[in-house]
Amino acid sequence: MHRFLIVIEKAGRNYSAYAPDLPGCAATGSTRRQAEANMHAAIEMHLEGLAEDRQPVPTAHATSGVLFFEPIVKAARGKKSAPAADAES
């Protein structure tokens, strides 16, 4: 069994998906679920093509992660932000 990371992105009115470890293997769909299903079929077809051409299946190396950031609040242009209130006041 092979496992491949896929990336699904919102692309205008549809969704686009690709597998970083399978160059050229991509799919789209009108919903996220459809893009994922189409990507599954695209990967199967890609692997069948590799087998027909007697090419090895690439080793999956891609990983994923999620980073979290606090919202950045900028002062209005040309205005200095007010100093923080003194806790002893």
N, C-alpha and C. Protein backbone atom coordinates (compact mmCIF):
# COMPACT_ATOMS: atom_id res chain seq x y z
N MET A 1 0.85 -1.18 0.00
CA MET A 1 0.00 0.00 0.00
C MET A 1 0.89 1.24 0.00
N HIS A 2 0.48 2.24 -0.77
CA HIS A 2 1.20 3.51 -0.84
C HIS A 2 0.33 4.61 -0.24
N ARG A 3 0.98 5.57 0.37
CA ARG A 3 0.28 6.74 0.91
C ARG A 3 0.92 7.98 0.35
N PHE A 4 0.10 8.90 -0.14
CA PHE A 4 0.61 10.15 -0.69
C PHE A 4 -0.16 11.33 -0.10
N LEU A 5 0.59 12.33 0.30
CA LEU A 5 -0.01 13.58 0.76
C LEU A 5 -0.61 14.28 -0.44
N ILE A 6 -1.82 14.80 -0.28
CA ILE A 6 -2.40 15.64 -1.33
C ILE A 6 -2.69 17.00 -0.71
N VAL A 7 -2.59 18.02 -1.54
CA VAL A 7 -2.89 19.39 -1.14
C VAL A 7 -4.13 19.80 -1.91
N ILE A 8 -5.11 20.31 -1.19
CA ILE A 8 -6.35 20.78 -1.83
C ILE A 8 -6.46 22.27 -1.54
N GLU A 9 -6.65 23.04 -2.60
CA GLU A 9 -6.73 24.50 -2.48
C GLU A 9 -8.02 25.01 -3.12
N LYS A 10 -8.58 26.03 -2.52
CA LYS A 10 -9.72 26.72 -3.12
C LYS A 10 -9.18 27.53 -4.28
N ALA A 11 -9.77 27.38 -5.44
CA ALA A 11 -9.30 28.06 -6.65
C ALA A 11 -10.47 28.74 -7.35
N GLY A 12 -10.78 29.92 -6.93
CA GLY A 12 -11.93 30.62 -7.52
C GLY A 12 -13.21 29.92 -7.12
N ARG A 13 -13.95 29.41 -8.12
CA ARG A 13 -15.21 28.73 -7.84
C ARG A 13 -15.07 27.22 -7.67
N ASN A 14 -13.85 26.69 -7.82
CA ASN A 14 -13.69 25.26 -7.66
C ASN A 14 -12.52 24.95 -6.72
N TYR A 15 -12.13 23.71 -6.67
CA TYR A 15 -11.01 23.27 -5.84
C TYR A 15 -9.99 22.58 -6.72
N SER A 16 -8.74 22.75 -6.37
CA SER A 16 -7.63 22.14 -7.10
C SER A 16 -6.85 21.27 -6.13
N ALA A 17 -6.37 20.12 -6.61
CA ALA A 17 -5.61 19.21 -5.75
C ALA A 17 -4.39 18.71 -6.49
N TYR A 18 -3.32 18.45 -5.74
CA TYR A 18 -2.12 17.87 -6.32
C TYR A 18 -1.39 17.07 -5.26
N ALA A 19 -0.50 16.19 -5.72
CA ALA A 19 0.32 15.37 -4.83
C ALA A 19 1.77 15.80 -5.03
N PRO A 20 2.40 16.41 -4.04
CA PRO A 20 3.78 16.89 -4.19
C PRO A 20 4.77 15.79 -4.60
N ASP A 21 4.53 14.55 -4.20
CA ASP A 21 5.45 13.47 -4.52
C ASP A 21 5.18 12.82 -5.88
N LEU A 22 4.13 13.27 -6.56
CA LEU A 22 3.80 12.73 -7.89
C LEU A 22 3.70 13.89 -8.88
N PRO A 23 4.84 14.38 -9.35
CA PRO A 23 4.82 15.53 -10.27
C PRO A 23 3.89 15.32 -11.45
N GLY A 24 3.09 16.33 -11.73
CA GLY A 24 2.16 16.26 -12.86
C GLY A 24 0.83 15.62 -12.54
N CYS A 25 0.68 15.10 -11.34
CA CYS A 25 -0.57 14.44 -10.96
C CYS A 25 -1.43 15.46 -10.22
N ALA A 26 -2.53 15.86 -10.86
CA ALA A 26 -3.40 16.89 -10.29
C ALA A 26 -4.84 16.63 -10.70
N ALA A 27 -5.76 17.25 -9.99
CA ALA A 27 -7.18 17.11 -10.30
C ALA A 27 -7.93 18.33 -9.78
N THR A 28 -9.14 18.50 -10.25
CA THR A 28 -10.00 19.59 -9.78
C THR A 28 -11.38 19.03 -9.47
N GLY A 29 -12.19 19.85 -8.84
CA GLY A 29 -13.57 19.48 -8.56
C GLY A 29 -14.34 20.70 -8.13
N SER A 30 -15.65 20.64 -8.26
CA SER A 30 -16.48 21.80 -7.88
C SER A 30 -16.65 21.90 -6.36
N THR A 31 -16.35 20.80 -5.65
CA THR A 31 -16.36 20.82 -4.19
C THR A 31 -15.05 20.21 -3.70
N ARG A 32 -14.77 20.41 -2.43
CA ARG A 32 -13.55 19.82 -1.85
C ARG A 32 -13.62 18.29 -1.94
N ARG A 33 -14.78 17.76 -1.61
CA ARG A 33 -14.96 16.30 -1.64
C ARG A 33 -14.77 15.76 -3.06
N GLN A 34 -15.30 16.46 -4.06
CA GLN A 34 -15.15 16.01 -5.44
C GLN A 34 -13.70 16.11 -5.89
N ALA A 35 -13.00 17.17 -5.50
CA ALA A 35 -11.58 17.29 -5.84
C ALA A 35 -10.78 16.15 -5.22
N GLU A 36 -11.10 15.78 -3.98
CA GLU A 36 -10.41 14.68 -3.32
C GLU A 36 -10.68 13.35 -4.03
N ALA A 37 -11.94 13.12 -4.40
CA ALA A 37 -12.28 11.88 -5.11
C ALA A 37 -11.61 11.84 -6.48
N ASN A 38 -11.60 12.98 -7.18
CA ASN A 38 -10.95 13.03 -8.49
C ASN A 38 -9.43 12.84 -8.35
N MET A 39 -8.87 13.33 -7.26
CA MET A 39 -7.43 13.16 -7.03
C MET A 39 -7.12 11.70 -6.76
N HIS A 40 -7.98 11.02 -6.05
CA HIS A 40 -7.80 9.59 -5.79
C HIS A 40 -7.74 8.84 -7.12
N ALA A 41 -8.69 9.15 -8.01
CA ALA A 41 -8.71 8.50 -9.33
C ALA A 41 -7.47 8.88 -10.14
N ALA A 42 -7.03 10.13 -10.04
CA ALA A 42 -5.84 10.57 -10.77
C ALA A 42 -4.59 9.84 -10.29
N ILE A 43 -4.48 9.64 -8.98
CA ILE A 43 -3.33 8.91 -8.44
C ILE A 43 -3.36 7.46 -8.90
N GLU A 44 -4.53 6.83 -8.87
CA GLU A 44 -4.63 5.45 -9.36
C GLU A 44 -4.18 5.36 -10.81
N MET A 45 -4.63 6.29 -11.64
CA MET A 45 -4.26 6.29 -13.05
C MET A 45 -2.75 6.53 -13.20
N HIS A 46 -2.21 7.42 -12.39
CA HIS A 46 -0.77 7.72 -12.43
C HIS A 46 0.04 6.47 -12.08
N LEU A 47 -0.37 5.78 -11.02
CA LEU A 47 0.35 4.57 -10.60
C LEU A 47 0.23 3.46 -11.64
N GLU A 48 -0.95 3.33 -12.28
CA GLU A 48 -1.12 2.35 -13.34
C GLU A 48 -0.19 2.66 -14.51
N GLY A 49 -0.06 3.93 -14.84
CA GLY A 49 0.83 4.35 -15.92
C GLY A 49 2.28 4.03 -15.60
N LEU A 50 2.67 4.26 -14.35
CA LEU A 50 4.04 3.92 -13.94
C LEU A 50 4.28 2.41 -14.08
N ALA A 51 3.29 1.61 -13.66
CA ALA A 51 3.42 0.15 -13.74
C ALA A 51 3.52 -0.30 -15.20
N GLU A 52 2.69 0.27 -16.08
CA GLU A 52 2.74 -0.07 -17.49
C GLU A 52 4.09 0.26 -18.11
N ASP A 53 4.68 1.38 -17.65
CA ASP A 53 5.99 1.81 -18.17
C ASP A 53 7.16 1.18 -17.41
N ARG A 54 6.81 0.28 -16.50
CA ARG A 54 7.81 -0.40 -15.67
C ARG A 54 8.71 0.60 -14.92
N GLN A 55 8.06 1.62 -14.41
CA GLN A 55 8.75 2.65 -13.62
C GLN A 55 8.43 2.43 -12.15
N PRO A 56 9.37 2.74 -11.26
CA PRO A 56 9.10 2.56 -9.83
C PRO A 56 8.11 3.61 -9.31
N VAL A 57 7.39 3.25 -8.30
CA VAL A 57 6.50 4.20 -7.63
C VAL A 57 7.38 5.07 -6.73
N PRO A 58 7.27 6.39 -6.86
CA PRO A 58 8.11 7.27 -6.04
C PRO A 58 7.86 7.06 -4.55
N THR A 59 8.91 7.21 -3.78
CA THR A 59 8.78 7.17 -2.33
C THR A 59 8.18 8.48 -1.88
N ALA A 60 7.19 8.41 -1.02
CA ALA A 60 6.55 9.63 -0.50
C ALA A 60 7.46 10.28 0.54
N HIS A 61 7.74 11.56 0.34
CA HIS A 61 8.58 12.31 1.27
C HIS A 61 7.85 13.53 1.84
N ALA A 62 6.80 13.97 1.16
CA ALA A 62 6.10 15.19 1.57
C ALA A 62 5.44 15.00 2.93
N THR A 63 5.47 16.04 3.73
CA THR A 63 4.78 16.05 5.01
C THR A 63 3.95 17.33 5.08
N SER A 64 3.14 17.43 6.08
CA SER A 64 2.33 18.63 6.23
C SER A 64 2.35 19.08 7.68
N GLY A 65 1.95 20.29 7.87
CA GLY A 65 1.84 20.85 9.20
C GLY A 65 0.93 22.06 9.15
N VAL A 66 0.51 22.49 10.28
CA VAL A 66 -0.35 23.67 10.38
C VAL A 66 0.32 24.61 11.37
N LEU A 67 0.46 25.87 10.98
CA LEU A 67 1.03 26.89 11.84
C LEU A 67 -0.08 27.84 12.25
N PHE A 68 -0.06 28.28 13.50
CA PHE A 68 -1.07 29.20 14.00
C PHE A 68 -0.43 30.55 14.29
N PHE A 69 -1.12 31.61 13.94
CA PHE A 69 -0.63 32.96 14.15
C PHE A 69 -1.70 33.81 14.81
N GLU A 70 -1.28 34.68 15.71
CA GLU A 70 -2.20 35.65 16.30
C GLU A 70 -2.44 36.75 15.27
N PRO A 71 -3.63 37.35 15.27
CA PRO A 71 -3.90 38.44 14.34
C PRO A 71 -2.95 39.61 14.64
N ILE A 72 -2.50 40.26 13.59
CA ILE A 72 -1.64 41.44 13.74
C ILE A 72 -2.51 42.66 13.59
N VAL A 73 -2.48 43.52 14.60
CA VAL A 73 -3.25 44.76 14.58
C VAL A 73 -2.26 45.88 14.37
N LYS A 74 -2.44 46.63 13.30
CA LYS A 74 -1.54 47.74 12.99
C LYS A 74 -2.24 49.04 13.36
N ALA A 75 -1.44 50.00 13.83
CA ALA A 75 -1.97 51.32 14.14
C ALA A 75 -2.35 52.01 12.82
N ALA A 76 -3.33 52.89 12.88
CA ALA A 76 -3.74 53.62 11.68
C ALA A 76 -2.55 54.41 11.15
N ARG A 77 -2.44 54.53 9.84
CA ARG A 77 -1.32 55.21 9.21
C ARG A 77 -1.22 56.65 9.69
N GLY A 78 -0.03 57.04 10.11
CA GLY A 78 0.21 58.41 10.55
C GLY A 78 -0.14 58.66 12.01
N LYS A 79 -0.75 57.70 12.67
CA LYS A 79 -1.11 57.86 14.08
C LYS A 79 -0.26 56.91 14.90
N LYS A 80 0.17 57.41 16.05
CA LYS A 80 0.92 56.54 16.95
C LYS A 80 -0.07 55.79 17.82
N SER A 81 0.26 54.55 18.11
CA SER A 81 -0.63 53.81 18.98
C SER A 81 -0.48 54.31 20.41
N ALA A 82 -1.58 54.29 21.15
CA ALA A 82 -1.58 54.76 22.53
C ALA A 82 -0.76 53.82 23.39
N PRO A 83 -0.03 54.40 24.34
CA PRO A 83 0.74 53.53 25.25
C PRO A 83 -0.20 52.68 26.09
N ALA A 84 0.28 51.55 26.52
CA ALA A 84 -0.52 50.66 27.35
C ALA A 84 -0.82 51.35 28.69
N ALA A 85 -2.01 51.10 29.20
CA ALA A 85 -2.39 51.71 30.49
C ALA A 85 -1.49 51.20 31.59
N ASP A 86 -1.13 52.09 32.52
CA ASP A 86 -0.27 51.72 33.64
C ASP A 86 -1.10 50.97 34.66
N ALA A 87 -0.63 49.80 35.05
CA ALA A 87 -1.37 48.94 35.97
C ALA A 87 -1.52 49.57 37.34
N GLU A 88 -0.65 50.54 37.73
CA GLU A 88 -0.72 51.13 39.07
C GLU A 88 -1.60 52.37 39.10
N SER A 89 -2.14 52.81 37.97
CA SER A 89 -2.95 54.03 37.96
C SER A 89 -4.29 53.82 38.60
